[in-house]
Amino acid sequence: MEHGEQGPLDIHQYIALMLDQMAGIAWQKLGLHPDPVTGTTHPDLAQAKVAIDLCGHLAGLIHARLDPADQRQIDNLLNDLRVNYMQRT
């Protein structure tokens, strides 16, 4: 491959992207980030819980493949989401 050219993403990279997107949705459903369409916040804790649980599952699928710094980053993200959820319930 030429310099800077990458092959196709593998499934674990897609899972990492999905985790990032789902975490963003979780923050929105917690009411801490605005909805990108309306620009307003609409907390929905039931949906936030589903999003947070899915983040945990996705993280479990890739955790062992990550370097320690990325593992800590994901662990901290999940902890922050869970703590914020608990504070609101």
PDB file of N, CA and C in Angstrom:
ATOM      1  N   MET A   1       0.831  -1.198   0.000  1.00  0.00           N
ATOM      2  CA  MET A   1       0.000   0.000   0.000  1.00  0.00           C
ATOM      3  C   MET A   1       0.869   1.252   0.000  1.00  0.00           C
ATOM      4  N   GLU A   2       0.375   2.269  -0.605  1.00  0.00           N
ATOM      5  CA  GLU A   2       1.091   3.532  -0.609  1.00  0.00           C
ATOM      6  C   GLU A   2       1.018   4.161   0.769  1.00  0.00           C
ATOM      7  N   HIS A   3       1.955   5.044   1.026  1.00  0.00           N
ATOM      8  CA  HIS A   3       1.976   5.757   2.298  1.00  0.00           C
ATOM      9  C   HIS A   3       0.647   6.495   2.510  1.00  0.00           C
ATOM     10  N   GLY A   4       0.054   6.306   3.662  1.00  0.00           N
ATOM     11  CA  GLY A   4      -1.198   6.971   3.981  1.00  0.00           C
ATOM     12  C   GLY A   4      -2.427   6.218   3.522  1.00  0.00           C
ATOM     13  N   GLU A   5      -2.242   5.218   2.673  1.00  0.00           N
ATOM     14  CA  GLU A   5      -3.383   4.432   2.195  1.00  0.00           C
ATOM     15  C   GLU A   5      -3.685   3.336   3.208  1.00  0.00           C
ATOM     16  N   GLN A   6      -4.932   3.165   3.528  1.00  0.00           N
ATOM     17  CA  GLN A   6      -5.336   2.153   4.491  1.00  0.00           C
ATOM     18  C   GLN A   6      -6.245   1.156   3.818  1.00  0.00           C
ATOM     19  N   GLY A   7      -6.216  -0.049   4.356  1.00  0.00           N
ATOM     20  CA  GLY A   7      -7.140  -1.061   3.882  1.00  0.00           C
ATOM     21  C   GLY A   7      -8.505  -0.833   4.497  1.00  0.00           C
ATOM     22  N   PRO A   8      -9.419  -1.728   4.220  1.00  0.00           N
ATOM     23  CA  PRO A   8     -10.762  -1.594   4.791  1.00  0.00           C
ATOM     24  C   PRO A   8     -10.733  -1.755   6.310  1.00  0.00           C
ATOM     25  N   LEU A   9     -11.678  -1.118   6.964  1.00  0.00           N
ATOM     26  CA  LEU A   9     -11.796  -1.254   8.415  1.00  0.00           C
ATOM     27  C   LEU A   9     -12.139  -2.693   8.765  1.00  0.00           C
ATOM     28  N   ASP A  10     -11.585  -3.158   9.885  1.00  0.00           N
ATOM     29  CA  ASP A  10     -12.013  -4.476  10.339  1.00  0.00           C
ATOM     30  C   ASP A  10     -13.193  -4.296  11.291  1.00  0.00           C
ATOM     31  N   ILE A  11     -13.821  -5.375  11.645  1.00  0.00           N
ATOM     32  CA  ILE A  11     -15.062  -5.317  12.435  1.00  0.00           C
ATOM     33  C   ILE A  11     -14.845  -4.625  13.776  1.00  0.00           C
ATOM     34  N   HIS A  12     -13.665  -4.781  14.374  1.00  0.00           N
ATOM     35  CA  HIS A  12     -13.410  -4.159  15.676  1.00  0.00           C
ATOM     36  C   HIS A  12     -13.340  -2.638  15.568  1.00  0.00           C
ATOM     37  N   GLN A  13     -12.868  -2.145  14.438  1.00  0.00           N
ATOM     38  CA  GLN A  13     -12.870  -0.699  14.227  1.00  0.00           C
ATOM     39  C   GLN A  13     -14.298  -0.180  14.048  1.00  0.00           C
ATOM     40  N   TYR A  14     -15.123  -0.942  13.365  1.00  0.00           N
ATOM     41  CA  TYR A  14     -16.538  -0.568  13.246  1.00  0.00           C
ATOM     42  C   TYR A  14     -17.213  -0.565  14.616  1.00  0.00           C
ATOM     43  N   ILE A  15     -16.891  -1.554  15.446  1.00  0.00           N
ATOM     44  CA  ILE A  15     -17.479  -1.614  16.786  1.00  0.00           C
ATOM     45  C   ILE A  15     -17.057  -0.391  17.587  1.00  0.00           C
ATOM     46  N   ALA A  16     -15.792   0.018  17.473  1.00  0.00           N
ATOM     47  CA  ALA A  16     -15.325   1.216  18.178  1.00  0.00           C
ATOM     48  C   ALA A  16     -16.090   2.454  17.712  1.00  0.00           C
ATOM     49  N   LEU A  17     -16.348   2.549  16.413  1.00  0.00           N
ATOM     50  CA  LEU A  17     -17.143   3.670  15.895  1.00  0.00           C
ATOM     51  C   LEU A  17     -18.571   3.626  16.433  1.00  0.00           C
ATOM     52  N   MET A  18     -19.146   2.428  16.470  1.00  0.00           N
ATOM     53  CA  MET A  18     -20.504   2.278  17.003  1.00  0.00           C
ATOM     54  C   MET A  18     -20.546   2.661  18.479  1.00  0.00           C
ATOM     55  N   LEU A  19     -19.523   2.281  19.227  1.00  0.00           N
ATOM     56  CA  LEU A  19     -19.445   2.627  20.643  1.00  0.00           C
ATOM     57  C   LEU A  19     -19.415   4.141  20.815  1.00  0.00           C
ATOM     58  N   ASP A  20     -18.614   4.814  20.016  1.00  0.00           N
ATOM     59  CA  ASP A  20     -18.530   6.267  20.094  1.00  0.00           C
ATOM     60  C   ASP A  20     -19.877   6.916  19.777  1.00  0.00           C
ATOM     61  N   GLN A  21     -20.540   6.433  18.740  1.00  0.00           N
ATOM     62  CA  GLN A  21     -21.849   6.979  18.378  1.00  0.00           C
ATOM     63  C   GLN A  21     -22.889   6.700  19.462  1.00  0.00           C
ATOM     64  N   MET A  22     -22.884   5.494  20.018  1.00  0.00           N
ATOM     65  CA  MET A  22     -23.867   5.149  21.038  1.00  0.00           C
ATOM     66  C   MET A  22     -23.624   5.939  22.319  1.00  0.00           C
ATOM     67  N   ALA A  23     -22.365   6.210  22.640  1.00  0.00           N
ATOM     68  CA  ALA A  23     -22.074   7.035  23.811  1.00  0.00           C
ATOM     69  C   ALA A  23     -22.642   8.442  23.615  1.00  0.00           C
ATOM     70  N   GLY A  24     -22.523   8.978  22.413  1.00  0.00           N
ATOM     71  CA  GLY A  24     -23.112  10.289  22.127  1.00  0.00           C
ATOM     72  C   GLY A  24     -24.619  10.283  22.307  1.00  0.00           C
ATOM     73  N   ILE A  25     -25.250   9.215  21.870  1.00  0.00           N
ATOM     74  CA  ILE A  25     -26.702   9.079  22.044  1.00  0.00           C
ATOM     75  C   ILE A  25     -27.041   8.968  23.522  1.00  0.00           C
ATOM     76  N   ALA A  26     -26.236   8.230  24.269  1.00  0.00           N
ATOM     77  CA  ALA A  26     -26.480   8.091  25.711  1.00  0.00           C
ATOM     78  C   ALA A  26     -26.424   9.452  26.398  1.00  0.00           C
ATOM     79  N   TRP A  27     -25.421  10.269  26.055  1.00  0.00           N
ATOM     80  CA  TRP A  27     -25.339  11.608  26.646  1.00  0.00           C
ATOM     81  C   TRP A  27     -26.573  12.438  26.294  1.00  0.00           C
ATOM     82  N   GLN A  28     -27.057  12.302  25.055  1.00  0.00           N
ATOM     83  CA  GLN A  28     -28.269  13.021  24.655  1.00  0.00           C
ATOM     84  C   GLN A  28     -29.466  12.546  25.460  1.00  0.00           C
ATOM     85  N   LYS A  29     -29.611  11.236  25.613  1.00  0.00           N
ATOM     86  CA  LYS A  29     -30.769  10.687  26.322  1.00  0.00           C
ATOM     87  C   LYS A  29     -30.700  10.976  27.814  1.00  0.00           C
ATOM     88  N   LEU A  30     -29.492  11.210  28.334  1.00  0.00           N
ATOM     89  CA  LEU A  30     -29.373  11.651  29.722  1.00  0.00           C
ATOM     90  C   LEU A  30     -29.771  13.121  29.867  1.00  0.00           C
ATOM     91  N   GLY A  31     -29.910  13.809  28.743  1.00  0.00           N
ATOM     92  CA  GLY A  31     -30.265  15.224  28.771  1.00  0.00           C
ATOM     93  C   GLY A  31     -29.064  16.128  28.964  1.00  0.00           C
ATOM     94  N   LEU A  32     -27.863  15.595  28.748  1.00  0.00           N
ATOM     95  CA  LEU A  32     -26.647  16.372  28.972  1.00  0.00           C
ATOM     96  C   LEU A  32     -26.054  16.947  27.694  1.00  0.00           C
ATOM     97  N   HIS A  33     -26.478  16.435  26.567  1.00  0.00           N
ATOM     98  CA  HIS A  33     -26.086  16.987  25.265  1.00  0.00           C
ATOM     99  C   HIS A  33     -27.359  17.252  24.471  1.00  0.00           C
ATOM    100  N   PRO A  34     -27.368  18.322  23.703  1.00  0.00           N
ATOM    101  CA  PRO A  34     -28.575  18.612  22.918  1.00  0.00           C
ATOM    102  C   PRO A  34     -28.761  17.629  21.768  1.00  0.00           C
ATOM    103  N   ASP A  35     -29.999  17.441  21.404  1.00  0.00           N
ATOM    104  CA  ASP A  35     -30.330  16.644  20.229  1.00  0.00           C
ATOM    105  C   ASP A  35     -29.773  17.373  19.010  1.00  0.00           C
ATOM    106  N   PRO A  36     -29.065  16.680  18.119  1.00  0.00           N
ATOM    107  CA  PRO A  36     -28.464  17.376  16.977  1.00  0.00           C
ATOM    108  C   PRO A  36     -29.487  17.938  15.989  1.00  0.00           C
ATOM    109  N   VAL A  37     -30.691  17.415  15.990  1.00  0.00           N
ATOM    110  CA  VAL A  37     -31.716  17.891  15.059  1.00  0.00           C
ATOM    111  C   VAL A  37     -32.415  19.124  15.612  1.00  0.00           C
ATOM    112  N   THR A  38     -32.845  19.052  16.885  1.00  0.00           N
ATOM    113  CA  THR A  38     -33.623  20.145  17.461  1.00  0.00           C
ATOM    114  C   THR A  38     -32.775  21.170  18.202  1.00  0.00           C
ATOM    115  N   GLY A  39     -31.579  20.764  18.637  1.00  0.00           N
ATOM    116  CA  GLY A  39     -30.734  21.663  19.414  1.00  0.00           C
ATOM    117  C   GLY A  39     -31.173  21.800  20.857  1.00  0.00           C
ATOM    118  N   THR A  40     -32.168  21.017  21.264  1.00  0.00           N
ATOM    119  CA  THR A  40     -32.658  21.068  22.640  1.00  0.00           C
ATOM    120  C   THR A  40     -32.369  19.737  23.333  1.00  0.00           C
ATOM    121  N   THR A  41     -32.499  19.753  24.653  1.00  0.00           N
ATOM    122  CA  THR A  41     -32.296  18.522  25.419  1.00  0.00           C
ATOM    123  C   THR A  41     -33.647  17.918  25.773  1.00  0.00           C
ATOM    124  N   HIS A  42     -33.710  16.612  25.681  1.00  0.00           N
ATOM    125  CA  HIS A  42     -34.920  15.864  26.006  1.00  0.00           C
ATOM    126  C   HIS A  42     -34.514  14.604  26.756  1.00  0.00           C
ATOM    127  N   PRO A  43     -34.360  14.689  28.087  1.00  0.00           N
ATOM    128  CA  PRO A  43     -33.947  13.502  28.831  1.00  0.00           C
ATOM    129  C   PRO A  43     -34.966  12.371  28.698  1.00  0.00           C
ATOM    130  N   ASP A  44     -34.466  11.179  28.511  1.00  0.00           N
ATOM    131  CA  ASP A  44     -35.278   9.964  28.487  1.00  0.00           C
ATOM    132  C   ASP A  44     -34.421   8.878  29.117  1.00  0.00           C
ATOM    133  N   LEU A  45     -34.592   8.695  30.431  1.00  0.00           N
ATOM    134  CA  LEU A  45     -33.707   7.808  31.176  1.00  0.00           C
ATOM    135  C   LEU A  45     -33.848   6.347  30.782  1.00  0.00           C
ATOM    136  N   ALA A  46     -35.027   5.923  30.361  1.00  0.00           N
ATOM    137  CA  ALA A  46     -35.190   4.537  29.919  1.00  0.00           C
ATOM    138  C   ALA A  46     -34.344   4.286  28.670  1.00  0.00           C
ATOM    139  N   GLN A  47     -34.379   5.224  27.734  1.00  0.00           N
ATOM    140  CA  GLN A  47     -33.566   5.076  26.531  1.00  0.00           C
ATOM    141  C   GLN A  47     -32.080   5.258  26.843  1.00  0.00           C
ATOM    142  N   ALA A  48     -31.765   6.135  27.787  1.00  0.00           N
ATOM    143  CA  ALA A  48     -30.368   6.318  28.191  1.00  0.00           C
ATOM    144  C   ALA A  48     -29.799   5.017  28.737  1.00  0.00           C
ATOM    145  N   LYS A  49     -30.584   4.305  29.540  1.00  0.00           N
ATOM    146  CA  LYS A  49     -30.116   3.032  30.107  1.00  0.00           C
ATOM    147  C   LYS A  49     -29.820   2.022  29.016  1.00  0.00           C
ATOM    148  N   VAL A  50     -30.690   1.927  28.025  1.00  0.00           N
ATOM    149  CA  VAL A  50     -30.452   1.002  26.909  1.00  0.00           C
ATOM    150  C   VAL A  50     -29.159   1.384  26.185  1.00  0.00           C
ATOM    151  N   ALA A  51     -28.972   2.666  25.923  1.00  0.00           N
ATOM    152  CA  ALA A  51     -27.770   3.130  25.219  1.00  0.00           C
ATOM    153  C   ALA A  51     -26.512   2.838  26.038  1.00  0.00           C
ATOM    154  N   ILE A  52     -26.572   3.061  27.343  1.00  0.00           N
ATOM    155  CA  ILE A  52     -25.418   2.805  28.210  1.00  0.00           C
ATOM    156  C   ILE A  52     -25.125   1.310  28.278  1.00  0.00           C
ATOM    157  N   ASP A  53     -26.161   0.504  28.405  1.00  0.00           N
ATOM    158  CA  ASP A  53     -25.958  -0.951  28.422  1.00  0.00           C
ATOM    159  C   ASP A  53     -25.337  -1.432  27.116  1.00  0.00           C
ATOM    160  N   LEU A  54     -25.790  -0.877  26.001  1.00  0.00           N
ATOM    161  CA  LEU A  54     -25.225  -1.256  24.709  1.00  0.00           C
ATOM    162  C   LEU A  54     -23.764  -0.820  24.610  1.00  0.00           C
ATOM    163  N   CYS A  55     -23.437   0.349  25.138  1.00  0.00           N
ATOM    164  CA  CYS A  55     -22.037   0.786  25.166  1.00  0.00           C
ATOM    165  C   CYS A  55     -21.180  -0.222  25.928  1.00  0.00           C
ATOM    166  N   GLY A  56     -21.693  -0.692  27.057  1.00  0.00           N
ATOM    167  CA  GLY A  56     -20.956  -1.687  27.835  1.00  0.00           C
ATOM    168  C   GLY A  56     -20.735  -2.967  27.058  1.00  0.00           C
ATOM    169  N   HIS A  57     -21.758  -3.403  26.346  1.00  0.00           N
ATOM    170  CA  HIS A  57     -21.634  -4.628  25.551  1.00  0.00           C
ATOM    171  C   HIS A  57     -20.625  -4.435  24.417  1.00  0.00           C
ATOM    172  N   LEU A  58     -20.724  -3.328  23.706  1.00  0.00           N
ATOM    173  CA  LEU A  58     -19.790  -3.057  22.612  1.00  0.00           C
ATOM    174  C   LEU A  58     -18.355  -2.966  23.132  1.00  0.00           C
ATOM    175  N   ALA A  59     -18.179  -2.317  24.278  1.00  0.00           N
ATOM    176  CA  ALA A  59     -16.841  -2.206  24.861  1.00  0.00           C
ATOM    177  C   ALA A  59     -16.282  -3.584  25.192  1.00  0.00           C
ATOM    178  N   GLY A  60     -17.134  -4.463  25.696  1.00  0.00           N
ATOM    179  CA  GLY A  60     -16.690  -5.811  26.021  1.00  0.00           C
ATOM    180  C   GLY A  60     -16.196  -6.582  24.809  1.00  0.00           C
ATOM    181  N   LEU A  61     -16.737  -6.276  23.656  1.00  0.00           N
ATOM    182  CA  LEU A  61     -16.334  -6.971  22.432  1.00  0.00           C
ATOM    183  C   LEU A  61     -14.941  -6.566  21.946  1.00  0.00           C
ATOM    184  N   ILE A  62     -14.498  -5.361  22.295  1.00  0.00           N
ATOM    185  CA  ILE A  62     -13.208  -4.886  21.782  1.00  0.00           C
ATOM    186  C   ILE A  62     -12.169  -4.647  22.873  1.00  0.00           C
ATOM    187  N   HIS A  63     -12.559  -4.692  24.126  1.00  0.00           N
ATOM    188  CA  HIS A  63     -11.683  -4.299  25.239  1.00  0.00           C
ATOM    189  C   HIS A  63     -10.329  -5.001  25.195  1.00  0.00           C
ATOM    190  N   ALA A  64     -10.307  -6.304  24.998  1.00  0.00           N
ATOM    191  CA  ALA A  64      -9.054  -7.069  25.029  1.00  0.00           C
ATOM    192  C   ALA A  64      -8.110  -6.697  23.886  1.00  0.00           C
ATOM    193  N   ARG A  65      -8.629  -6.136  22.820  1.00  0.00           N
ATOM    194  CA  ARG A  65      -7.802  -5.773  21.659  1.00  0.00           C
ATOM    195  C   ARG A  65      -7.212  -4.370  21.783  1.00  0.00           C
ATOM    196  N   LEU A  66      -7.605  -3.640  22.805  1.00  0.00           N
ATOM    197  CA  LEU A  66      -7.158  -2.255  22.955  1.00  0.00           C
ATOM    198  C   LEU A  66      -5.875  -2.178  23.770  1.00  0.00           C
ATOM    199  N   ASP A  67      -5.112  -1.115  23.537  1.00  0.00           N
ATOM    200  CA  ASP A  67      -3.944  -0.903  24.394  1.00  0.00           C
ATOM    201  C   ASP A  67      -4.442  -0.353  25.734  1.00  0.00           C
ATOM    202  N   PRO A  68      -3.599  -0.415  26.775  1.00  0.00           N
ATOM    203  CA  PRO A  68      -4.045  -0.002  28.117  1.00  0.00           C
ATOM    204  C   PRO A  68      -4.620   1.412  28.181  1.00  0.00           C
ATOM    205  N   ALA A  69      -4.057   2.346  27.433  1.00  0.00           N
ATOM    206  CA  ALA A  69      -4.572   3.726  27.466  1.00  0.00           C
ATOM    207  C   ALA A  69      -5.989   3.789  26.908  1.00  0.00           C
ATOM    208  N   ASP A  70      -6.242   3.092  25.811  1.00  0.00           N
ATOM    209  CA  ASP A  70      -7.591   3.075  25.234  1.00  0.00           C
ATOM    210  C   ASP A  70      -8.564   2.319  26.132  1.00  0.00           C
ATOM    211  N   GLN A  71      -8.093   1.269  26.790  1.00  0.00           N
ATOM    212  CA  GLN A  71      -8.947   0.548  27.738  1.00  0.00           C
ATOM    213  C   GLN A  71      -9.385   1.479  28.862  1.00  0.00           C
ATOM    214  N   ARG A  72      -8.427   2.247  29.408  1.00  0.00           N
ATOM    215  CA  ARG A  72      -8.764   3.196  30.483  1.00  0.00           C
ATOM    216  C   ARG A  72      -9.749   4.248  29.990  1.00  0.00           C
ATOM    217  N   GLN A  73      -9.544   4.733  28.773  1.00  0.00           N
ATOM    218  CA  GLN A  73     -10.442   5.751  28.219  1.00  0.00           C
ATOM    219  C   GLN A  73     -11.870   5.211  28.117  1.00  0.00           C
ATOM    220  N   ILE A  74     -12.026   4.001  27.630  1.00  0.00           N
ATOM    221  CA  ILE A  74     -13.363   3.413  27.511  1.00  0.00           C
ATOM    222  C   ILE A  74     -13.939   3.111  28.887  1.00  0.00           C
ATOM    223  N   ASP A  75     -13.111   2.602  29.800  1.00  0.00           N
ATOM    224  CA  ASP A  75     -13.582   2.347  31.162  1.00  0.00           C
ATOM    225  C   ASP A  75     -14.074   3.637  31.812  1.00  0.00           C
ATOM    226  N   ASN A  76     -13.331   4.727  31.617  1.00  0.00           N
ATOM    227  CA  ASN A  76     -13.734   6.020  32.177  1.00  0.00           C
ATOM    228  C   ASN A  76     -15.027   6.520  31.544  1.00  0.00           C
ATOM    229  N   LEU A  77     -15.158   6.353  30.241  1.00  0.00           N
ATOM    230  CA  LEU A  77     -16.390   6.747  29.549  1.00  0.00           C
ATOM    231  C   LEU A  77     -17.588   6.003  30.126  1.00  0.00           C
ATOM    232  N   LEU A  78     -17.466   4.680  30.245  1.00  0.00           N
ATOM    233  CA  LEU A  78     -18.577   3.887  30.780  1.00  0.00           C
ATOM    234  C   LEU A  78     -18.892   4.287  32.212  1.00  0.00           C
ATOM    235  N   ASN A  79     -17.855   4.514  33.011  1.00  0.00           N
ATOM    236  CA  ASN A  79     -18.072   4.933  34.392  1.00  0.00           C
ATOM    237  C   ASN A  79     -18.797   6.275  34.440  1.00  0.00           C
ATOM    238  N   ASP A  80     -18.369   7.232  33.623  1.00  0.00           N
ATOM    239  CA  ASP A  80     -19.015   8.551  33.593  1.00  0.00           C
ATOM    240  C   ASP A  80     -20.485   8.439  33.184  1.00  0.00           C
ATOM    241  N   LEU A  81     -20.765   7.638  32.166  1.00  0.00           N
ATOM    242  CA  LEU A  81     -22.153   7.452  31.739  1.00  0.00           C
ATOM    243  C   LEU A  81     -22.989   6.844  32.859  1.00  0.00           C
ATOM    244  N   ARG A  82     -22.455   5.813  33.498  1.00  0.00           N
ATOM    245  CA  ARG A  82     -23.207   5.120  34.556  1.00  0.00           C
ATOM    246  C   ARG A  82     -23.428   6.006  35.769  1.00  0.00           C
ATOM    247  N   VAL A  83     -22.417   6.765  36.156  1.00  0.00           N
ATOM    248  CA  VAL A  83     -22.560   7.671  37.302  1.00  0.00           C
ATOM    249  C   VAL A  83     -23.604   8.738  36.994  1.00  0.00           C
ATOM    250  N   ASN A  84     -23.548   9.316  35.814  1.00  0.00           N
ATOM    251  CA  ASN A  84     -24.537  10.332  35.447  1.00  0.00           C
ATOM    252  C   ASN A  84     -25.942   9.751  35.398  1.00  0.00           C
ATOM    253  N   TYR A  85     -26.071   8.521  34.932  1.00  0.00           N
ATOM    254  CA  TYR A  85     -27.384   7.865  34.927  1.00  0.00           C
ATOM    255  C   TYR A  85     -27.880   7.688  36.366  1.00  0.00           C
ATOM    256  N   MET A  86     -27.012   7.187  37.236  1.00  0.00           N
ATOM    257  CA  MET A  86     -27.413   6.946  38.631  1.00  0.00           C
ATOM    258  C   MET A  86     -27.798   8.252  39.332  1.00  0.00           C
ATOM    259  N   GLN A  87     -27.124   9.332  39.022  1.00  0.00           N
ATOM    260  CA  GLN A  87     -27.443  10.622  39.632  1.00  0.00           C
ATOM    261  C   GLN A  87     -28.826  11.118  39.216  1.00  0.00           C
ATOM    262  N   ARG A  88     -29.305  10.652  38.093  1.00  0.00           N
ATOM    263  CA  ARG A  88     -30.591  11.121  37.576  1.00  0.00           C
ATOM    264  C   ARG A  88     -31.753  10.192  37.898  1.00  0.00           C
ATOM    265  N   THR A  89     -31.449   9.034  38.469  1.00  0.00           N
ATOM    266  CA  THR A  89     -32.540   8.098  38.804  1.00  0.00           C
ATOM    267  C   THR A  89     -32.821   8.102  40.284  1.00  0.00           C
TER     268      THR A  89
END
